[in-house]
Protein backbone atom coordinates (compact mmCIF):
# COMPACT_ATOMS: atom_id res chain seq x y z
CA MET A 1 154.78 72.74 68.23
CA PRO A 2 156.23 75.78 66.82
CA ALA A 3 153.68 77.55 64.46
CA ASN A 4 156.19 77.40 61.44
CA THR A 5 156.93 73.71 61.88
CA VAL A 6 156.30 71.78 58.83
CA ARG A 7 154.22 68.24 59.74
CA ARG A 8 154.73 65.61 57.18
CA ALA A 9 152.35 62.65 57.30
CA SER A 10 151.15 59.82 55.12
CA PRO A 11 148.26 60.79 52.65
CA ALA A 12 146.81 57.34 52.97
CA ARG A 13 144.28 57.81 55.70
CA ASN A 14 141.83 60.84 56.72
CA ASP A 15 143.49 63.59 58.76
CA TRP A 16 140.48 63.94 61.03
CA GLY A 17 141.65 66.89 62.79
CA ALA A 18 141.38 68.85 59.13
CA LEU A 19 137.92 67.15 58.16
CA LEU A 20 136.45 68.38 61.64
CA LEU A 21 137.96 72.08 61.07
CA LEU A 22 136.27 71.64 57.58
CA LEU A 23 132.57 70.22 58.95
CA SER A 24 132.97 72.97 61.90
CA MET A 25 132.89 75.75 59.66
CA PRO A 26 128.85 75.74 58.92
CA PHE A 27 128.27 74.77 62.55
CA VAL A 28 130.09 78.32 63.58
CA ALA A 29 128.17 79.94 60.96
CA GLY A 30 124.88 78.72 62.04
CA VAL A 31 125.57 79.21 65.69
CA CYS A 32 126.79 82.76 64.79
CA VAL A 33 123.45 83.63 62.39
CA ILE A 34 121.37 82.32 65.47
CA SER A 35 123.12 84.70 67.97
CA VAL A 36 122.37 87.98 65.53
CA GLN A 37 118.70 86.57 65.17
CA ILE A 38 118.61 86.23 69.25
CA TYR A 39 120.08 89.53 69.61
CA LEU A 40 117.76 91.36 67.13
CA GLY A 41 114.88 89.82 69.27
CA GLU A 42 113.28 87.81 66.04
CA GLY A 43 113.87 84.60 67.14
CA VAL A 44 115.25 81.53 65.54
CA LYS A 45 114.66 81.25 61.79
CA PRO A 46 115.89 78.27 60.45
CA LEU A 47 116.11 78.73 56.79
CA THR A 48 118.33 81.53 57.11
CA VAL A 49 120.53 79.68 59.45
CA VAL A 50 120.68 76.60 56.92
CA MET A 51 121.44 78.78 53.70
CA VAL A 52 124.42 80.74 55.53
CA ALA A 53 125.87 77.39 56.98
CA ALA A 54 125.71 75.67 53.49
CA LEU A 55 127.17 78.48 51.94
CA ALA A 56 129.99 78.23 54.33
CA LEU A 57 130.93 74.49 53.71
CA PHE A 58 130.67 75.16 50.48
CA ILE A 59 132.91 78.09 50.25
CA TYR A 60 135.54 76.07 52.68
CA ALA A 61 135.24 73.04 50.54
CA LEU A 62 135.94 74.99 47.41
CA ASN A 63 138.83 76.50 49.39
CA GLY A 64 140.30 73.05 50.33
CA LEU A 65 139.89 71.85 46.89
CA SER A 66 142.24 74.89 45.20
CA ASP A 67 144.69 75.29 47.71
CA GLY A 68 146.48 71.78 47.34
CA ALA A 69 150.12 72.97 46.70
CA GLU A 70 149.94 75.18 49.81
CA ASP A 71 148.37 72.83 51.69
CA ALA A 72 150.71 69.89 50.87
CA ILE A 73 153.84 72.01 52.08
CA ASN A 74 152.31 72.58 55.42
CA ASP A 75 150.67 69.31 55.91
CA GLU A 76 150.29 66.89 53.33
CA ARG A 77 147.89 64.49 55.09
CA ARG A 78 145.49 67.69 55.59
CA ALA A 79 145.78 68.56 51.83
CA ALA A 80 144.65 64.90 50.79
CA THR A 81 142.14 64.74 53.18
CA LEU A 82 140.35 68.29 52.07
CA ARG A 83 140.80 67.13 48.45
CA ALA A 84 139.45 63.99 49.26
CA ASN A 85 136.39 65.15 50.89
CA ALA A 86 135.96 67.93 48.66
CA TRP A 87 133.39 66.51 46.41
CA TRP A 88 131.05 65.24 48.83
CA THR A 89 131.15 68.31 50.72
CA LEU A 90 130.40 70.44 47.97
CA GLY A 91 127.58 68.10 46.88
CA VAL A 92 125.76 68.10 50.16
CA SER A 93 126.11 72.24 50.39
CA SER A 94 124.86 72.59 47.15
CA LEU A 95 121.83 70.77 47.73
CA ALA A 96 121.00 72.52 51.16
CA VAL A 97 121.60 75.78 49.38
CA VAL A 98 119.09 74.97 46.40
CA VAL A 99 116.45 73.66 49.03
CA ALA A 100 116.80 76.17 51.65
CA GLY A 101 116.67 78.96 48.26
CA VAL A 102 113.66 77.69 47.13
CA LEU A 103 112.04 77.71 50.38
CA LEU A 104 113.37 81.17 50.88
CA LEU A 105 112.13 81.93 47.64
CA LEU A 106 108.57 80.60 48.64
CA ARG A 107 108.21 83.07 51.46
CA GLY A 108 109.60 85.83 49.50
CA ARG A 109 113.11 86.31 51.52
CA LEU A 110 115.36 84.92 48.78
CA HIS A 111 117.80 87.97 48.50
CA LEU A 112 120.64 88.76 46.00
CA LEU A 113 123.02 88.56 49.23
CA TYR A 114 123.52 84.72 48.75
CA PRO A 115 124.69 84.29 45.16
CA ILE A 116 126.74 87.15 45.63
CA LEU A 117 128.29 85.31 48.52
CA MET A 118 128.54 82.16 46.74
CA LEU A 119 130.56 84.26 44.07
CA VAL A 120 132.79 85.77 46.29
CA GLY A 121 133.65 82.39 47.44
CA VAL A 122 134.74 81.09 43.87
CA ALA A 123 136.17 84.37 43.25
CA TYR A 124 138.16 83.92 46.46
CA SER A 125 139.39 80.10 45.67
CA PHE A 126 139.66 79.93 41.79
CA ARG A 127 141.46 82.63 39.26
CA VAL A 128 138.07 83.86 37.48
CA ILE A 129 138.74 87.32 37.42
CA PRO A 130 139.79 89.01 34.51
CA ALA A 131 142.72 91.76 34.77
CA PHE A 132 144.94 93.21 31.78
CA SER A 133 148.62 93.56 32.43
CA GLY A 134 151.96 94.32 30.32
CA SER A 135 151.33 90.63 28.94
CA GLY A 136 147.97 90.61 28.18
CA LEU A 137 145.06 89.30 29.52
CA ARG A 138 145.16 87.05 32.90
CA ARG A 139 143.03 85.94 35.60
CA PHE A 140 143.58 86.01 39.29
CA ARG A 141 141.82 85.24 42.23
CA LEU A 142 140.93 87.27 45.32
CA LYS A 143 143.23 85.26 47.49
CA ASP A 144 146.12 86.20 45.42
CA VAL A 145 146.12 89.68 46.50
CA PRO A 146 147.58 90.54 49.87
CA PHE A 147 144.74 92.21 52.27
CA VAL A 148 142.41 91.94 49.74
CA LYS A 149 142.16 88.28 50.66
CA ASN A 150 141.74 88.91 53.89
CA LEU A 151 139.29 91.76 53.69
CA SER A 152 137.21 89.46 51.33
CA ILE A 153 136.80 87.23 54.14
CA GLY A 154 135.88 89.33 57.10
CA CYS A 155 133.21 91.32 54.64
CA THR A 156 131.65 88.06 53.31
CA TRP A 157 131.28 86.47 56.86
CA ALA A 158 130.05 89.78 58.28
CA GLY A 159 127.69 90.31 55.32
CA ALA A 160 126.69 86.53 55.90
CA VAL A 161 126.27 86.58 59.56
CA PHE A 162 124.69 89.71 59.79
CA LEU A 163 123.31 91.10 56.72
CA GLY A 164 121.22 87.21 56.16
CA PRO A 165 119.20 87.89 59.55
CA LEU A 166 118.74 91.68 59.02
CA LEU A 167 117.00 90.81 55.67
CA ASP A 168 114.86 88.32 56.96
CA THR A 169 113.54 90.63 59.61
CA GLU A 170 110.53 92.77 59.85
CA GLY A 171 112.49 95.36 61.48
CA THR A 172 114.40 95.77 64.42
CA ARG A 173 114.58 97.93 67.78
CA HIS A 174 118.23 98.51 67.47
CA SER A 175 119.51 101.58 65.87
CA PHE A 176 121.51 101.17 62.59
CA GLY A 177 125.00 102.69 64.10
CA ARG A 178 124.94 99.88 66.86
CA LEU A 179 124.65 97.01 64.35
CA ALA A 180 126.84 98.86 62.28
CA ILE A 181 129.77 98.87 64.81
CA LEU A 182 128.85 95.41 66.14
CA GLY A 183 128.74 93.95 62.35
CA ALA A 184 132.36 95.68 61.72
CA SER A 185 133.49 94.49 65.03
CA TYR A 186 132.81 90.70 63.98
CA ALA A 187 134.38 91.59 60.14
CA ILE A 188 137.70 92.81 62.26
CA ILE A 189 137.89 89.71 63.84
CA ALA A 190 137.37 87.77 60.81
CA VAL A 191 140.19 89.72 58.95
CA GLU A 192 142.01 88.88 61.82
CA ASN A 193 141.40 85.33 61.98
CA SER A 194 142.11 85.05 58.42
CA MET A 195 145.58 86.82 58.89
CA PHE A 196 146.46 84.23 61.58
CA CYS A 197 145.83 81.26 59.36
CA ASP A 198 148.37 82.86 56.94
CA LEU A 199 150.66 83.33 59.84
CA ARG A 200 150.19 79.56 60.70
CA ASP A 201 150.53 78.51 56.99
CA GLU A 202 153.50 81.03 56.16
CA LEU A 203 155.83 78.38 55.03
CA GLY A 204 153.58 76.79 52.80
CA ASP A 205 152.15 80.18 51.34
CA ARG A 206 155.39 81.00 50.49
CA GLU A 207 157.05 77.91 48.97
CA ALA A 208 153.71 77.89 46.84
CA GLY A 209 154.27 81.69 45.66
CA VAL A 210 151.54 82.93 47.41
CA ARG A 211 151.85 86.16 48.73
CA THR A 212 150.20 87.15 52.14
CA VAL A 213 150.44 90.37 54.20
CA VAL A 214 152.17 88.09 56.53
CA GLY A 215 154.96 87.56 53.50
CA TYR A 216 155.32 91.09 53.34
CA LEU A 217 155.52 92.43 56.90
CA GLY A 218 156.78 89.22 58.84
CA ARG A 219 155.11 87.81 61.96
CA SER A 220 156.54 90.70 64.35
CA ARG A 221 154.96 93.33 62.32
CA THR A 222 151.88 91.60 61.69
CA PHE A 223 151.14 91.29 65.27
CA THR A 224 151.97 94.96 65.86
CA ALA A 225 149.60 96.15 63.19
CA ILE A 226 146.76 94.05 64.39
CA PHE A 227 147.56 95.45 67.95
CA VAL A 228 147.62 99.14 67.00
CA SER A 229 144.85 98.65 64.78
CA ASN A 230 142.34 96.97 67.33
CA LEU A 231 143.69 100.06 69.99
CA LEU A 232 142.29 102.30 67.38
CA TRP A 233 139.18 100.40 66.89
CA SER A 234 138.50 100.21 70.68
CA THR A 235 138.86 103.91 70.82
CA LEU A 236 136.15 104.28 68.35
CA VAL A 237 134.18 101.82 70.20
CA GLY A 238 134.72 103.85 73.52
CA THR A 239 133.74 107.02 71.52
CA SER A 240 130.49 105.45 70.22
CA PHE A 241 129.76 104.68 73.66
CA ALA A 242 130.35 107.93 75.03
CA PHE A 243 127.66 109.19 72.01
CA ALA A 244 125.20 106.47 73.23
CA ILE A 245 125.63 104.43 70.25
CA VAL A 246 126.29 101.46 72.07
CA ASN A 247 125.53 100.91 75.57
CA GLY A 248 128.23 100.07 78.49
CA ALA A 249 128.22 96.14 78.06
CA THR A 250 128.63 96.11 74.43
CA ALA A 251 131.47 98.61 74.65
CA ALA A 252 133.50 96.54 77.08
CA PHE A 253 132.62 93.17 75.51
CA LEU A 254 133.99 94.49 71.96
CA THR A 255 136.97 95.85 73.63
CA VAL A 256 137.79 92.87 75.82
CA LEU A 257 137.48 90.70 72.66
CA ALA A 258 139.41 93.18 70.19
CA ILE A 259 142.23 93.05 73.06
CA GLY A 260 141.99 89.54 74.19
CA TYR A 261 142.01 87.85 71.26
CA PRO A 262 144.97 88.57 69.31
CA PHE A 263 147.03 88.73 72.64
CA ALA A 264 145.96 85.06 73.10
CA VAL A 265 146.88 84.26 69.66
CA TRP A 266 150.41 85.72 70.17
CA LEU A 267 150.79 83.91 73.43
CA ALA A 268 150.15 80.57 71.76
CA THR A 269 151.68 80.86 68.42
CA GLU A 270 154.86 83.38 69.49
CA ARG A 271 155.65 83.49 73.35
CA PHE A 272 154.97 79.81 74.34
CA ALA A 273 154.33 77.90 70.66
CA VAL A 274 151.99 75.57 71.92
CA ARG A 275 151.24 72.39 69.90
CA ARG A 276 149.65 73.18 66.49
CA GLY A 277 146.17 72.07 67.17
CA VAL A 278 145.86 74.01 70.58
CA ALA A 279 146.85 76.75 68.71
CA ASN A 280 144.42 76.25 65.77
CA GLY A 281 141.49 75.99 68.45
CA ILE A 282 142.51 79.79 69.86
CA ILE A 283 142.57 80.88 66.57
CA GLU A 284 139.59 79.80 65.29
CA SER A 285 137.74 80.21 68.84
CA SER A 286 136.97 84.21 67.86
CA ALA A 287 133.73 83.75 65.96
CA VAL A 288 131.72 81.44 68.79
CA ILE A 289 133.23 83.67 71.48
CA PHE A 290 132.02 86.68 69.49
CA ALA A 291 128.04 84.83 69.10
CA LEU A 292 128.32 84.01 72.68
CA GLY A 293 128.66 87.50 73.73
CA LEU A 294 125.87 88.32 71.47
CA VAL A 295 123.59 86.18 72.90
CA VAL A 296 124.50 87.29 76.48
CA LEU A 297 124.07 91.20 75.40
CA GLY A 298 120.61 90.12 73.55
CA LEU A 299 119.41 88.62 76.34
CA CYS A 300 119.82 91.23 78.96
């Protein structure tokens, strides 16, 4: 199915694909945190994994609750499913956050990072940020601001996945430069993932009045901007290898991911227009691929 095709369906029953995608968020977050812990050589620390996974479910459940207008245009049944399951997923994730937070506090490992991530998630989905304009005081959400939306997603994921495990360590044998390159690469991939989701939901966003980078640039120029940005980033990764900041295996992995991921999405959505479910799988594969690569690098 072409990426810009609107699929209408009866909202009478759950869209299990949409529910599975929502529930995959804490799983992906947990896998990514574990991969960083393995890479750091600290061993798996379950409380950090649970905290980040619960925050991921909480934030994405909030987003499903707040995005009814645009989601209903793209896929009515998906929107109804996300709204219908938002309350119990919010309840479960909130309980997990509280329990993990108390246990981390008892260990002296409850850091300010976690409430900040939760507040960013709320500010992303709901209009709680005040701003003054010619018409007076108004409120906006991070999602209302093109590219800030995508950047906030990348920083939130990178902060949770990398800073969470780092704050729970006694020290690491890895240099700051190496970890910064890895964390930035992960953030860039997360930013691009969100932009590809905007490509997928372009019609609904436009009809609902949601402004996105894709809406400004168009599909072709969005891909061009991503390819050029990733080429520049790959050059920086190569330079970091030349200065021995990262090793050859790390540089090769990050370069292949930076070029291969957007190219695979382009083939799926623009060149061959594969079925929506397949395209979604390719779009959402980036974090898991990154995590698997990090585990391999950590074990080598």
